[in-house]
Protein backbone atom coordinates (compact mmCIF):
# COMPACT_ATOMS: atom_id res chain seq x y z
CA MET A 1 -38.51 -97.02 75.32
CA ARG A 2 -39.66 -97.78 71.79
CA PRO A 3 -37.41 -96.48 68.99
CA THR A 4 -39.02 -93.66 67.09
CA ARG A 5 -38.41 -92.20 63.66
CA LYS A 6 -36.28 -89.47 65.28
CA HIS A 7 -34.00 -92.04 66.87
CA ALA A 8 -33.55 -93.82 63.50
CA LEU A 9 -32.53 -90.54 61.80
CA VAL A 10 -29.90 -89.79 64.47
CA LEU A 11 -28.47 -93.29 64.14
CA LEU A 12 -28.24 -92.92 60.32
CA LEU A 13 -26.31 -89.63 60.60
CA LEU A 14 -23.84 -91.23 63.03
CA LEU A 15 -23.13 -94.06 60.61
CA LEU A 16 -22.44 -91.82 57.54
CA PRO A 17 -18.70 -91.02 56.77
CA LEU A 18 -17.70 -87.48 57.62
CA PRO A 19 -16.32 -85.34 54.71
CA SER A 20 -12.67 -84.33 55.02
CA PHE A 21 -11.72 -80.67 54.68
CA SER A 22 -8.28 -79.43 53.92
CA ARG A 23 -6.87 -76.59 55.91
CA GLY A 24 -8.11 -73.37 54.38
CA GLY A 25 -11.53 -74.74 53.41
CA GLY A 26 -10.75 -75.56 49.74
CA GLU A 27 -8.67 -77.73 47.45
CA ASP A 28 -5.28 -78.83 48.76
CA THR A 29 -2.77 -76.39 47.27
CA THR A 30 0.29 -77.51 49.17
CA ARG A 31 1.69 -79.19 46.09
CA SER A 32 3.90 -76.84 43.99
CA VAL A 33 3.99 -77.06 40.19
CA PRO A 34 7.56 -77.83 38.96
CA ARG A 35 9.14 -74.73 37.44
CA SER A 36 10.56 -74.60 33.92
CA ALA A 37 13.77 -72.84 32.93
CA ILE A 38 15.26 -72.21 29.48
CA THR A 39 18.53 -70.59 28.40
CA ILE A 40 18.94 -68.97 24.97
CA GLN A 41 22.29 -68.29 23.34
CA THR A 42 23.06 -66.81 19.90
CA VAL A 43 26.01 -66.40 17.57
CA PRO A 44 26.81 -63.54 17.71
CA ASP A 45 25.45 -62.70 21.14
CA SER A 46 23.56 -59.56 22.29
CA GLY A 47 20.49 -60.45 20.23
CA GLN A 48 17.22 -59.05 21.60
CA VAL A 49 14.89 -61.91 22.63
CA TYR A 50 11.09 -61.64 22.45
CA ILE A 51 8.82 -64.46 23.67
CA ASP A 52 5.15 -64.05 22.75
CA ASP A 53 5.97 -60.42 21.77
CA VAL A 54 7.39 -59.66 25.23
CA ARG A 55 11.07 -58.69 25.47
CA VAL A 56 12.90 -60.89 27.99
CA GLY A 57 16.47 -59.62 27.52
CA ALA A 58 19.60 -59.88 25.38
CA THR A 59 21.44 -63.12 24.70
CA PRO A 60 22.69 -65.02 26.54
CA VAL A 61 19.52 -64.94 28.63
CA SER A 62 17.72 -67.33 31.00
CA VAL A 63 13.95 -67.39 31.57
CA ASP A 64 12.15 -69.33 34.33
CA THR A 65 8.68 -67.77 34.24
CA LEU A 66 7.17 -69.48 31.18
CA GLN A 67 3.95 -71.41 31.46
CA PRO A 68 3.92 -74.93 29.97
CA GLY A 69 2.93 -74.90 26.30
CA VAL A 70 4.11 -73.57 22.94
CA HIS A 71 5.53 -70.02 22.76
CA ARG A 72 6.52 -67.79 19.84
CA LEU A 73 10.18 -66.79 19.70
CA LEU A 74 11.75 -63.80 17.94
CA ILE A 75 15.43 -62.87 18.25
CA VAL A 76 16.50 -59.58 16.65
CA HIS A 77 20.06 -59.39 15.33
CA PRO A 78 22.34 -57.04 17.34
CA ASP A 79 22.99 -55.06 14.12
CA PRO A 80 19.42 -54.59 12.81
CA ALA A 81 20.41 -51.83 10.35
CA ASN A 82 22.67 -54.18 8.37
CA TRP A 83 20.78 -55.49 5.33
CA LEU A 84 23.07 -58.54 5.16
CA THR A 85 21.76 -59.93 8.46
CA GLY A 86 18.45 -61.55 9.40
CA ASN A 87 16.37 -62.27 12.50
CA ILE A 88 15.46 -65.62 14.02
CA HIS A 89 11.82 -66.78 14.09
CA ASP A 90 11.02 -70.03 15.89
CA SER A 91 8.78 -71.61 18.51
CA LEU A 92 9.50 -73.15 21.91
CA GLU A 93 7.56 -75.94 23.57
CA VAL A 94 7.92 -75.80 27.35
CA THR A 95 6.91 -78.61 29.72
CA ALA A 96 6.60 -78.43 33.50
CA GLY A 97 9.87 -78.98 35.28
CA GLN A 98 11.91 -78.70 32.09
CA SER A 99 15.40 -77.18 32.02
CA ARG A 100 16.74 -76.73 28.50
CA ALA A 101 19.31 -74.67 26.60
CA TYR A 102 18.87 -73.39 23.04
CA ARG A 103 21.60 -72.13 20.72
CA PHE A 104 20.82 -70.22 17.52
CA VAL A 105 23.05 -68.89 14.74
CA PHE A 106 21.81 -65.75 12.99
CA PRO A 107 21.39 -66.12 9.23
CA SER A 108 23.66 -63.70 7.41
CA LYS A 109 25.06 -62.97 3.97
CA PHE A 110 28.42 -61.79 2.68
CA SER A 111 28.80 -59.06 0.06
CA ILE A 112 31.81 -58.72 -2.26
CA GLU A 113 32.18 -55.61 -4.43
CA SER A 114 35.04 -54.45 -6.62
CA VAL A 115 36.17 -51.25 -8.33
CA PRO A 116 35.63 -51.69 -11.20
CA SER A 117 32.83 -54.26 -10.96
CA GLY A 118 32.59 -57.36 -13.13
CA ALA A 119 35.54 -59.19 -11.56
CA ASP A 120 35.53 -62.97 -11.26
CA VAL A 121 35.74 -64.14 -7.64
CA TRP A 122 37.71 -67.34 -7.06
CA ARG A 123 38.31 -69.41 -3.97
CA GLY A 124 40.98 -71.92 -4.86
CA ASN A 125 39.79 -73.59 -8.07
CA ASP A 126 36.14 -72.67 -7.50
CA LEU A 127 34.56 -69.73 -9.33
CA LEU A 128 32.07 -68.22 -6.86
CA GLY A 129 30.63 -65.59 -9.18
CA VAL A 130 31.11 -62.08 -10.56
CA THR A 131 31.11 -58.84 -8.55
CA PRO A 132 28.94 -57.43 -7.13
CA LEU A 133 28.34 -60.76 -5.44
CA VAL A 134 26.28 -61.82 -2.40
CA LEU A 135 26.93 -65.20 -0.79
CA PRO A 136 25.76 -67.05 2.32
CA GLU A 137 28.26 -66.27 5.06
CA ASP A 138 28.82 -69.94 5.88
CA SER A 139 30.13 -70.49 2.32
CA LEU A 140 33.29 -68.57 3.25
CA PRO A 141 35.07 -70.27 6.17
CA ALA A 142 37.29 -68.18 8.42
CA GLY A 143 40.77 -67.77 6.96
CA SER A 144 39.60 -68.12 3.36
CA THR A 145 41.49 -66.29 0.62
CA LEU A 146 39.68 -64.90 -2.40
CA LEU A 147 41.21 -63.94 -5.75
CA LEU A 148 39.54 -61.28 -7.89
CA ARG A 149 40.38 -61.32 -11.60
CA ARG A 150 39.35 -58.97 -14.39
CA GLU A 151 40.89 -58.48 -17.78
CA GLY A 152 43.13 -55.43 -17.89
CA PHE A 153 43.58 -55.38 -14.10
CA ARG A 154 45.97 -57.08 -11.75
CA GLN A 155 44.80 -60.17 -9.92
CA THR A 156 44.07 -59.12 -6.34
CA ALA A 157 43.81 -61.26 -3.21
CA ALA A 158 41.35 -60.44 -0.43
CA SER A 159 40.34 -62.00 2.88
CA PRO A 160 36.72 -62.17 4.08
CA ASP A 161 38.07 -61.66 7.60
CA THR A 162 38.75 -57.99 6.74
CA ALA A 163 35.13 -57.28 5.79
CA ARG A 164 33.22 -54.65 7.71
CA ARG A 165 29.70 -55.65 8.72
CA GLY A 166 29.75 -58.44 6.15
CA SER A 167 30.74 -56.21 3.22
CA LEU A 168 34.10 -56.48 1.43
CA MET A 169 35.26 -53.81 -1.04
CA VAL A 170 38.28 -54.53 -3.27
CA THR A 171 39.98 -52.05 -5.60
CA LEU A 172 41.67 -53.66 -8.60
CA PRO A 173 44.86 -51.93 -9.84
CA ARG A 174 45.19 -51.33 -13.57
CA GLU A 175 47.54 -53.75 -15.31
CA TRP A 176 50.56 -52.09 -16.94
CA THR A 177 52.44 -54.35 -19.34
CA ALA A 178 56.04 -53.50 -20.19
CA GLY A 179 57.16 -53.62 -23.83
CA GLU A 180 53.78 -52.80 -25.38
CA PRO A 181 53.70 -50.75 -28.62
CA ASP A 182 53.97 -47.00 -28.29
CA ASP A 183 50.40 -46.52 -29.53
CA SER A 184 48.98 -48.89 -26.88
CA PRO A 185 46.73 -47.13 -24.34
CA PHE A 186 48.61 -49.00 -21.59
CA ALA A 187 52.12 -48.21 -22.79
CA THR A 188 54.20 -46.28 -20.29
CA SER A 189 55.93 -44.12 -22.96
CA SER A 190 52.69 -42.94 -24.57
CA VAL A 191 50.68 -42.29 -21.41
CA LEU A 192 52.89 -41.44 -18.51
CA LYS A 193 55.14 -39.18 -20.55
CA ARG A 194 52.51 -37.30 -22.50
CA SER A 195 49.75 -36.84 -19.90
CA PRO A 196 51.01 -37.55 -16.38
CA VAL A 197 49.38 -34.53 -14.74
CA ARG A 198 45.77 -35.22 -15.66
CA LEU A 199 46.16 -38.91 -14.89
CA TYR A 200 47.59 -38.11 -11.47
CA LEU A 201 44.84 -35.59 -10.77
CA SER A 202 42.10 -37.99 -11.86
CA GLY A 203 43.61 -40.78 -9.82
CA ALA A 204 43.92 -38.55 -6.74
CA ALA A 205 40.31 -37.41 -7.14
CA THR A 206 39.17 -41.03 -7.40
CA VAL A 207 40.99 -42.04 -4.23
CA ILE A 208 39.91 -38.99 -2.22
CA ALA A 209 36.27 -39.13 -3.32
CA GLY A 210 36.09 -42.89 -2.73
CA THR A 211 37.57 -42.53 0.74
CA LEU A 212 35.17 -39.69 1.56
CA ALA A 213 32.19 -41.73 0.31
CA ALA A 214 33.15 -44.64 2.55
CA TYR A 215 33.69 -42.34 5.55
CA LEU A 216 30.33 -40.60 5.14
CA LYS A 217 28.53 -43.92 4.69
CA ILE A 218 30.05 -45.29 7.88
CA LYS A 219 28.97 -42.15 9.75
CA ALA A 220 25.46 -42.46 8.30
CA ASP A 221 25.24 -46.08 9.46
CA ASP A 222 26.38 -45.04 12.93
CA ARG A 223 23.62 -42.39 13.08
CA GLN A 224 21.08 -45.03 12.03
CA ASP A 225 22.25 -47.37 14.79
CA THR A 226 22.00 -44.57 17.37
CA TYR A 227 18.53 -43.65 16.11
CA LEU A 228 17.32 -47.22 16.61
CA LEU A 229 18.48 -47.02 20.22
CA THR A 230 17.28 -43.49 21.08
CA GLY A 231 14.51 -42.71 18.57
CA SER A 232 15.74 -39.12 18.17
CA PRO A 233 14.31 -37.52 14.96
CA ALA A 234 17.38 -35.28 14.66
CA LEU A 235 19.51 -38.34 13.95
CA ILE A 236 17.34 -39.19 10.92
CA ALA A 237 17.98 -35.77 9.38
CA GLU A 238 21.71 -36.08 10.05
CA ARG A 239 21.77 -39.58 8.59
CA ASN A 240 20.05 -38.34 5.43
CA ARG A 241 22.63 -35.54 5.02
CA LEU A 242 25.48 -38.01 5.43
CA ASP A 243 23.89 -40.44 2.96
CA THR A 244 23.51 -37.61 0.43
CA GLY A 245 27.16 -36.64 0.87
CA ALA A 246 28.21 -40.26 0.45
CA ALA A 247 26.17 -40.56 -2.75
CA ILE A 248 27.71 -37.38 -4.20
CA SER A 249 31.22 -38.53 -3.29
CA LEU A 250 30.56 -41.91 -4.90
CA ALA A 251 29.37 -40.17 -8.07
CA VAL A 252 32.57 -38.10 -8.13
CA THR A 253 34.55 -41.32 -7.72
CA GLN A 254 32.84 -42.88 -10.71
CA VAL A 255 33.32 -39.77 -12.86
CA SER A 256 37.01 -39.53 -11.92
CA PHE A 257 37.55 -43.19 -12.71
CA SER A 258 35.79 -42.73 -16.05
CA LEU A 259 38.15 -39.84 -16.84
CA ILE A 260 41.14 -42.06 -16.10
CA ALA A 261 39.81 -44.70 -18.48
CA TYR A 262 39.10 -42.03 -21.11
CA PHE A 263 42.62 -40.56 -20.87
CA LEU A 264 44.19 -43.99 -21.15
CA LEU A 265 42.14 -45.03 -24.16
CA ASN A 266 42.62 -41.78 -26.06
CA GLU A 267 46.34 -41.23 -25.66
């Protein structure tokens, strides 16, 4: 039999390599992409972590669902209502199969106030500034001792470890010097003997009003913290009332203290 064109075509098809097909009729997907995992810690902890504007939890937190690439990072301080604290803004670069831990320290400040203000703040032989004073928190190591000095008042020691939410308030006692002339405004014989009642009353009013101002301010801050968690509008109104009461009490404190100074200087 003579070979025909049909026989040549069949022979050509038999000689061509057959294409290989993976199971499932498409690209081989049996290979798994290595997973990435990151762990985020903060000082202090309980910071709220957002990656690409999506909340992933509170520190310490681990995440293993990130795609390779660069991601935006935001960590909100656990005390967002405190003006002395700040948030953390950064970026993370994730590669396939990576396991990595990150540790962040929240930036924060330290506030020192005195009654009366204008006191020099010393740490050892270093003059840090004059009250009211705001410093980076890391400039005051744990266990530090501060000395506040102001003319006419007793030198007073204070510890940053006793601060509440990064704010330290120090009351400076008036300096009474024995043996001063009778006409001195600080002399015991001319002041304490001739006008003890009004001095005592003014001093008591100063202490009571100052304590009340601090109490109301703490309560107002607590209402603000609760509002941030619950979003209840009633807490805003209550916070405003407490802030108003604290402001009035603080004004009474300042007036009472001014009366004490007036009585002392005019006796």
